[in-house]
Amino acid sequence: MKEKIKIKAVDMVRRIRDEHAQMLTGKSESEIIAFFKNAGEAARQRAKSRQSTQSLSQQKGYRDRE
C-alpha cells in the first residue's frame, strides 16, 4: 500500500508569499511585474519540457510492445 503524502498547502503558500515579499522589497512596480512574468514563462517552459519528455517515453513504451 502506498504511503499517503501530506501537503500543508496553506503553510506552503505562506512560505512562498513571504519569500517573494522579501525578494521584491524595494522593487518598482515594473520590476515586480517582470519578476512574475519571467517566473511564469520559466514554469511554462518546464511544463512543456516535461510534457514532451513524457510523450516521448510513452511513444517509446508503445513501440517496445509491438
PDB file of N, CA and C in Angstrom:
ATOM      1  N   MET A   1       0.833  -1.183   0.000  1.00  0.00           N
ATOM      2  CA  MET A   1       0.000   0.000   0.000  1.00  0.00           C
ATOM      3  C   MET A   1       0.882   1.252   0.000  1.00  0.00           C
ATOM      4  N   LYS A   2       0.519   2.209  -0.841  1.00  0.00           N
ATOM      5  CA  LYS A   2       1.301   3.436  -0.936  1.00  0.00           C
ATOM      6  C   LYS A   2       1.098   4.296   0.300  1.00  0.00           C
ATOM      7  N   GLU A   3       2.186   4.925   0.714  1.00  0.00           N
ATOM      8  CA  GLU A   3       2.131   5.836   1.848  1.00  0.00           C
ATOM      9  C   GLU A   3       1.512   7.150   1.398  1.00  0.00           C
ATOM     10  N   LYS A   4       0.591   7.677   2.205  1.00  0.00           N
ATOM     11  CA  LYS A   4      -0.046   8.942   1.872  1.00  0.00           C
ATOM     12  C   LYS A   4       0.921  10.087   2.123  1.00  0.00           C
ATOM     13  N   ILE A   5       0.874  11.052   1.244  1.00  0.00           N
ATOM     14  CA  ILE A   5       1.721  12.233   1.372  1.00  0.00           C
ATOM     15  C   ILE A   5       0.843  13.377   1.870  1.00  0.00           C
ATOM     16  N   LYS A   6       1.240  13.991   2.965  1.00  0.00           N
ATOM     17  CA  LYS A   6       0.501  15.130   3.493  1.00  0.00           C
ATOM     18  C   LYS A   6       1.147  16.409   2.991  1.00  0.00           C
ATOM     19  N   ILE A   7       0.332  17.248   2.413  1.00  0.00           N
ATOM     20  CA  ILE A   7       0.809  18.540   1.932  1.00  0.00           C
ATOM     21  C   ILE A   7       0.108  19.620   2.740  1.00  0.00           C
ATOM     22  N   LYS A   8       0.890  20.439   3.373  1.00  0.00           N
ATOM     23  CA  LYS A   8       0.338  21.553   4.143  1.00  0.00           C
ATOM     24  C   LYS A   8       0.295  22.763   3.219  1.00  0.00           C
ATOM     25  N   ALA A   9      -0.786  22.849   2.443  1.00  0.00           N
ATOM     26  CA  ALA A   9      -0.895  23.839   1.382  1.00  0.00           C
ATOM     27  C   ALA A   9      -0.848  25.275   1.901  1.00  0.00           C
ATOM     28  N   VAL A  10      -1.559  25.542   2.980  1.00  0.00           N
ATOM     29  CA  VAL A  10      -1.594  26.911   3.492  1.00  0.00           C
ATOM     30  C   VAL A  10      -0.204  27.342   3.940  1.00  0.00           C
ATOM     31  N   ASP A  11       0.489  26.456   4.652  1.00  0.00           N
ATOM     32  CA  ASP A  11       1.851  26.774   5.085  1.00  0.00           C
ATOM     33  C   ASP A  11       2.772  26.996   3.891  1.00  0.00           C
ATOM     34  N   MET A  12       2.615  26.170   2.861  1.00  0.00           N
ATOM     35  CA  MET A  12       3.454  26.282   1.677  1.00  0.00           C
ATOM     36  C   MET A  12       3.207  27.622   0.966  1.00  0.00           C
ATOM     37  N   VAL A  13       1.945  27.997   0.821  1.00  0.00           N
ATOM     38  CA  VAL A  13       1.610  29.258   0.156  1.00  0.00           C
ATOM     39  C   VAL A  13       2.146  30.444   0.956  1.00  0.00           C
ATOM     40  N   ARG A  14       2.004  30.386   2.271  1.00  0.00           N
ATOM     41  CA  ARG A  14       2.514  31.473   3.113  1.00  0.00           C
ATOM     42  C   ARG A  14       4.028  31.600   3.006  1.00  0.00           C
ATOM     43  N   ARG A  15       4.720  30.451   2.983  1.00  0.00           N
ATOM     44  CA  ARG A  15       6.178  30.464   2.868  1.00  0.00           C
ATOM     45  C   ARG A  15       6.609  31.092   1.539  1.00  0.00           C
ATOM     46  N   ILE A  16       5.964  30.669   0.457  1.00  0.00           N
ATOM     47  CA  ILE A  16       6.290  31.206  -0.867  1.00  0.00           C
ATOM     48  C   ILE A  16       5.997  32.701  -0.919  1.00  0.00           C
ATOM     49  N   ARG A  17       4.844  33.099  -0.390  1.00  0.00           N
ATOM     50  CA  ARG A  17       4.465  34.515  -0.379  1.00  0.00           C
ATOM     51  C   ARG A  17       5.482  35.348   0.383  1.00  0.00           C
ATOM     52  N   ASP A  18       5.899  34.844   1.548  1.00  0.00           N
ATOM     53  CA  ASP A  18       6.871  35.570   2.359  1.00  0.00           C
ATOM     54  C   ASP A  18       8.233  35.667   1.668  1.00  0.00           C
ATOM     55  N   GLU A  19       8.639  34.590   0.984  1.00  0.00           N
ATOM     56  CA  GLU A  19       9.906  34.619   0.246  1.00  0.00           C
ATOM     57  C   GLU A  19       9.846  35.650  -0.879  1.00  0.00           C
ATOM     58  N   HIS A  20       8.728  35.660  -1.608  1.00  0.00           N
ATOM     59  CA  HIS A  20       8.580  36.628  -2.696  1.00  0.00           C
ATOM     60  C   HIS A  20       8.570  38.046  -2.150  1.00  0.00           C
ATOM     61  N   ALA A  21       7.856  38.263  -1.052  1.00  0.00           N
ATOM     62  CA  ALA A  21       7.790  39.599  -0.460  1.00  0.00           C
ATOM     63  C   ALA A  21       9.179  40.080  -0.079  1.00  0.00           C
ATOM     64  N   GLN A  22       9.976  39.184   0.491  1.00  0.00           N
ATOM     65  CA  GLN A  22      11.333  39.558   0.894  1.00  0.00           C
ATOM     66  C   GLN A  22      12.199  39.875  -0.329  1.00  0.00           C
ATOM     67  N   MET A  23      12.077  39.049  -1.370  1.00  0.00           N
ATOM     68  CA  MET A  23      12.883  39.264  -2.572  1.00  0.00           C
ATOM     69  C   MET A  23      12.492  40.551  -3.303  1.00  0.00           C
ATOM     70  N   LEU A  24      11.210  40.917  -3.219  1.00  0.00           N
ATOM     71  CA  LEU A  24      10.715  42.034  -4.004  1.00  0.00           C
ATOM     72  C   LEU A  24      10.628  43.343  -3.228  1.00  0.00           C
ATOM     73  N   THR A  25      11.048  43.327  -1.978  1.00  0.00           N
ATOM     74  CA  THR A  25      11.037  44.544  -1.174  1.00  0.00           C
ATOM     75  C   THR A  25      11.920  45.605  -1.831  1.00  0.00           C
ATOM     76  N   GLY A  26      11.345  46.787  -1.997  1.00  0.00           N
ATOM     77  CA  GLY A  26      12.099  47.890  -2.584  1.00  0.00           C
ATOM     78  C   GLY A  26      12.103  47.913  -4.102  1.00  0.00           C
ATOM     79  N   LYS A  27      11.477  46.948  -4.737  1.00  0.00           N
ATOM     80  CA  LYS A  27      11.435  46.908  -6.205  1.00  0.00           C
ATOM     81  C   LYS A  27      10.299  47.785  -6.719  1.00  0.00           C
ATOM     82  N   SER A  28      10.459  48.270  -7.914  1.00  0.00           N
ATOM     83  CA  SER A  28       9.412  49.083  -8.531  1.00  0.00           C
ATOM     84  C   SER A  28       8.298  48.169  -9.047  1.00  0.00           C
ATOM     85  N   GLU A  29       7.174  48.777  -9.374  1.00  0.00           N
ATOM     86  CA  GLU A  29       6.047  48.005  -9.894  1.00  0.00           C
ATOM     87  C   GLU A  29       6.438  47.249 -11.169  1.00  0.00           C
ATOM     88  N   SER A  30       7.186  47.894 -12.046  1.00  0.00           N
ATOM     89  CA  SER A  30       7.587  47.245 -13.298  1.00  0.00           C
ATOM     90  C   SER A  30       8.561  46.092 -13.034  1.00  0.00           C
ATOM     91  N   GLU A  31       9.424  46.222 -12.023  1.00  0.00           N
ATOM     92  CA  GLU A  31      10.342  45.130 -11.676  1.00  0.00           C
ATOM     93  C   GLU A  31       9.574  43.937 -11.095  1.00  0.00           C
ATOM     94  N   ILE A  32       8.536  44.224 -10.309  1.00  0.00           N
ATOM     95  CA  ILE A  32       7.714  43.155  -9.734  1.00  0.00           C
ATOM     96  C   ILE A  32       6.962  42.424 -10.842  1.00  0.00           C
ATOM     97  N   ILE A  33       6.403  43.176 -11.773  1.00  0.00           N
ATOM     98  CA  ILE A  33       5.691  42.562 -12.897  1.00  0.00           C
ATOM     99  C   ILE A  33       6.646  41.711 -13.719  1.00  0.00           C
ATOM    100  N   ALA A  34       7.842  42.206 -13.980  1.00  0.00           N
ATOM    101  CA  ALA A  34       8.839  41.452 -14.745  1.00  0.00           C
ATOM    102  C   ALA A  34       9.228  40.166 -14.015  1.00  0.00           C
ATOM    103  N   PHE A  35       9.356  40.249 -12.695  1.00  0.00           N
ATOM    104  CA  PHE A  35       9.696  39.065 -11.904  1.00  0.00           C
ATOM    105  C   PHE A  35       8.664  37.957 -12.115  1.00  0.00           C
ATOM    106  N   PHE A  36       7.382  38.311 -11.961  1.00  0.00           N
ATOM    107  CA  PHE A  36       6.336  37.300 -12.092  1.00  0.00           C
ATOM    108  C   PHE A  36       6.155  36.847 -13.545  1.00  0.00           C
ATOM    109  N   LYS A  37       6.369  37.745 -14.487  1.00  0.00           N
ATOM    110  CA  LYS A  37       6.283  37.372 -15.904  1.00  0.00           C
ATOM    111  C   LYS A  37       7.380  36.349 -16.238  1.00  0.00           C
ATOM    112  N   ASN A  38       8.592  36.619 -15.774  1.00  0.00           N
ATOM    113  CA  ASN A  38       9.708  35.700 -16.020  1.00  0.00           C
ATOM    114  C   ASN A  38       9.492  34.362 -15.318  1.00  0.00           C
ATOM    115  N   ALA A  39       8.973  34.405 -14.091  1.00  0.00           N
ATOM    116  CA  ALA A  39       8.710  33.171 -13.349  1.00  0.00           C
ATOM    117  C   ALA A  39       7.647  32.343 -14.070  1.00  0.00           C
ATOM    118  N   GLY A  40       6.622  33.000 -14.578  1.00  0.00           N
ATOM    119  CA  GLY A  40       5.571  32.298 -15.314  1.00  0.00           C
ATOM    120  C   GLY A  40       6.096  31.665 -16.594  1.00  0.00           C
ATOM    121  N   GLU A  41       6.920  32.391 -17.305  1.00  0.00           N
ATOM    122  CA  GLU A  41       7.500  31.856 -18.550  1.00  0.00           C
ATOM    123  C   GLU A  41       8.393  30.653 -18.257  1.00  0.00           C
ATOM    124  N   ALA A  42       9.184  30.740 -17.201  1.00  0.00           N
ATOM    125  CA  ALA A  42      10.046  29.615 -16.825  1.00  0.00           C
ATOM    126  C   ALA A  42       9.201  28.389 -16.456  1.00  0.00           C
ATOM    127  N   ALA A  43       8.104  28.611 -15.758  1.00  0.00           N
ATOM    128  CA  ALA A  43       7.222  27.497 -15.387  1.00  0.00           C
ATOM    129  C   ALA A  43       6.601  26.869 -16.628  1.00  0.00           C
ATOM    130  N   ARG A  44       6.184  27.696 -17.577  1.00  0.00           N
ATOM    131  CA  ARG A  44       5.613  27.158 -18.825  1.00  0.00           C
ATOM    132  C   ARG A  44       6.646  26.330 -19.583  1.00  0.00           C
ATOM    133  N   GLN A  45       7.889  26.801 -19.625  1.00  0.00           N
ATOM    134  CA  GLN A  45       8.947  26.065 -20.322  1.00  0.00           C
ATOM    135  C   GLN A  45       9.222  24.719 -19.646  1.00  0.00           C
ATOM    136  N   ARG A  46       9.256  24.702 -18.308  1.00  0.00           N
ATOM    137  CA  ARG A  46       9.475  23.431 -17.583  1.00  0.00           C
ATOM    138  C   ARG A  46       8.325  22.465 -17.844  1.00  0.00           C
ATOM    139  N   ALA A  47       7.098  22.981 -17.848  1.00  0.00           N
ATOM    140  CA  ALA A  47       5.935  22.123 -18.093  1.00  0.00           C
ATOM    141  C   ALA A  47       5.970  21.574 -19.523  1.00  0.00           C
ATOM    142  N   LYS A  48       6.326  22.418 -20.456  1.00  0.00           N
ATOM    143  CA  LYS A  48       6.410  21.994 -21.857  1.00  0.00           C
ATOM    144  C   LYS A  48       7.486  20.919 -22.023  1.00  0.00           C
ATOM    145  N   SER A  49       8.622  21.120 -21.367  1.00  0.00           N
ATOM    146  CA  SER A  49       9.710  20.151 -21.430  1.00  0.00           C
ATOM    147  C   SER A  49       9.280  18.810 -20.831  1.00  0.00           C
ATOM    148  N   ARG A  50       8.611  18.868 -19.656  1.00  0.00           N
ATOM    149  CA  ARG A  50       8.131  17.634 -19.018  1.00  0.00           C
ATOM    150  C   ARG A  50       7.114  16.922 -19.891  1.00  0.00           C
ATOM    151  N   GLN A  51       6.238  17.697 -20.518  1.00  0.00           N
ATOM    152  CA  GLN A  51       5.201  17.122 -21.359  1.00  0.00           C
ATOM    153  C   GLN A  51       5.818  16.414 -22.560  1.00  0.00           C
ATOM    154  N   SER A  52       6.812  17.036 -23.196  1.00  0.00           N
ATOM    155  CA  SER A  52       7.433  16.410 -24.356  1.00  0.00           C
ATOM    156  C   SER A  52       8.238  15.179 -23.942  1.00  0.00           C
ATOM    157  N   THR A  53       8.868  15.218 -22.772  1.00  0.00           N
ATOM    158  CA  THR A  53       9.612  14.060 -22.273  1.00  0.00           C
ATOM    159  C   THR A  53       8.670  12.894 -22.003  1.00  0.00           C
ATOM    160  N   GLN A  54       7.523  13.184 -21.388  1.00  0.00           N
ATOM    161  CA  GLN A  54       6.543  12.141 -21.106  1.00  0.00           C
ATOM    162  C   GLN A  54       5.988  11.566 -22.394  1.00  0.00           C
ATOM    163  N   SER A  55       5.733  12.438 -23.355  1.00  0.00           N
ATOM    164  CA  SER A  55       5.199  11.993 -24.631  1.00  0.00           C
ATOM    165  C   SER A  55       6.180  11.060 -25.334  1.00  0.00           C
ATOM    166  N   LEU A  56       7.463  11.418 -25.321  1.00  0.00           N
ATOM    167  CA  LEU A  56       8.478  10.578 -25.951  1.00  0.00           C
ATOM    168  C   LEU A  56       8.605   9.227 -25.248  1.00  0.00           C
ATOM    169  N   SER A  57       8.563   9.237 -23.926  1.00  0.00           N
ATOM    170  CA  SER A  57       8.695   7.970 -23.198  1.00  0.00           C
ATOM    171  C   SER A  57       7.478   7.092 -23.425  1.00  0.00           C
ATOM    172  N   GLN A  58       6.306   7.688 -23.563  1.00  0.00           N
ATOM    173  CA  GLN A  58       5.105   6.901 -23.839  1.00  0.00           C
ATOM    174  C   GLN A  58       5.176   6.310 -25.244  1.00  0.00           C
ATOM    175  N   GLN A  59       5.669   7.081 -26.203  1.00  0.00           N
ATOM    176  CA  GLN A  59       5.801   6.571 -27.567  1.00  0.00           C
ATOM    177  C   GLN A  59       6.807   5.432 -27.607  1.00  0.00           C
ATOM    178  N   LYS A  60       7.894   5.571 -26.906  1.00  0.00           N
ATOM    179  CA  LYS A  60       8.911   4.526 -26.869  1.00  0.00           C
ATOM    180  C   LYS A  60       8.342   3.266 -26.232  1.00  0.00           C
ATOM    181  N   GLY A  61       7.599   3.422 -25.134  1.00  0.00           N
ATOM    182  CA  GLY A  61       6.981   2.282 -24.473  1.00  0.00           C
ATOM    183  C   GLY A  61       6.005   1.566 -25.397  1.00  0.00           C
ATOM    184  N   TYR A  62       5.296   2.337 -26.211  1.00  0.00           N
ATOM    185  CA  TYR A  62       4.343   1.757 -27.159  1.00  0.00           C
ATOM    186  C   TYR A  62       5.092   0.956 -28.221  1.00  0.00           C
ATOM    187  N   ARG A  63       6.180   1.491 -28.724  1.00  0.00           N
ATOM    188  CA  ARG A  63       6.966   0.797 -29.752  1.00  0.00           C
ATOM    189  C   ARG A  63       7.584  -0.492 -29.206  1.00  0.00           C
ATOM    190  N   ASP A  64       8.006  -0.446 -27.931  1.00  0.00           N
ATOM    191  CA  ASP A  64       8.612  -1.629 -27.341  1.00  0.00           C
ATOM    192  C   ASP A  64       7.648  -2.796 -27.252  1.00  0.00           C
ATOM    193  N   ARG A  65       6.351  -2.506 -27.182  1.00  0.00           N
ATOM    194  CA  ARG A  65       5.353  -3.581 -27.049  1.00  0.00           C
ATOM    195  C   ARG A  65       5.003  -4.191 -28.393  1.00  0.00           C
ATOM    196  N   GLU A  66       5.308  -3.514 -29.467  1.00  0.00           N
ATOM    197  CA  GLU A  66       4.929  -4.033 -30.797  1.00  0.00           C
ATOM    198  C   GLU A  66       5.777  -5.203 -31.210  1.00  0.00           C
TER     199      GLU A  66
END
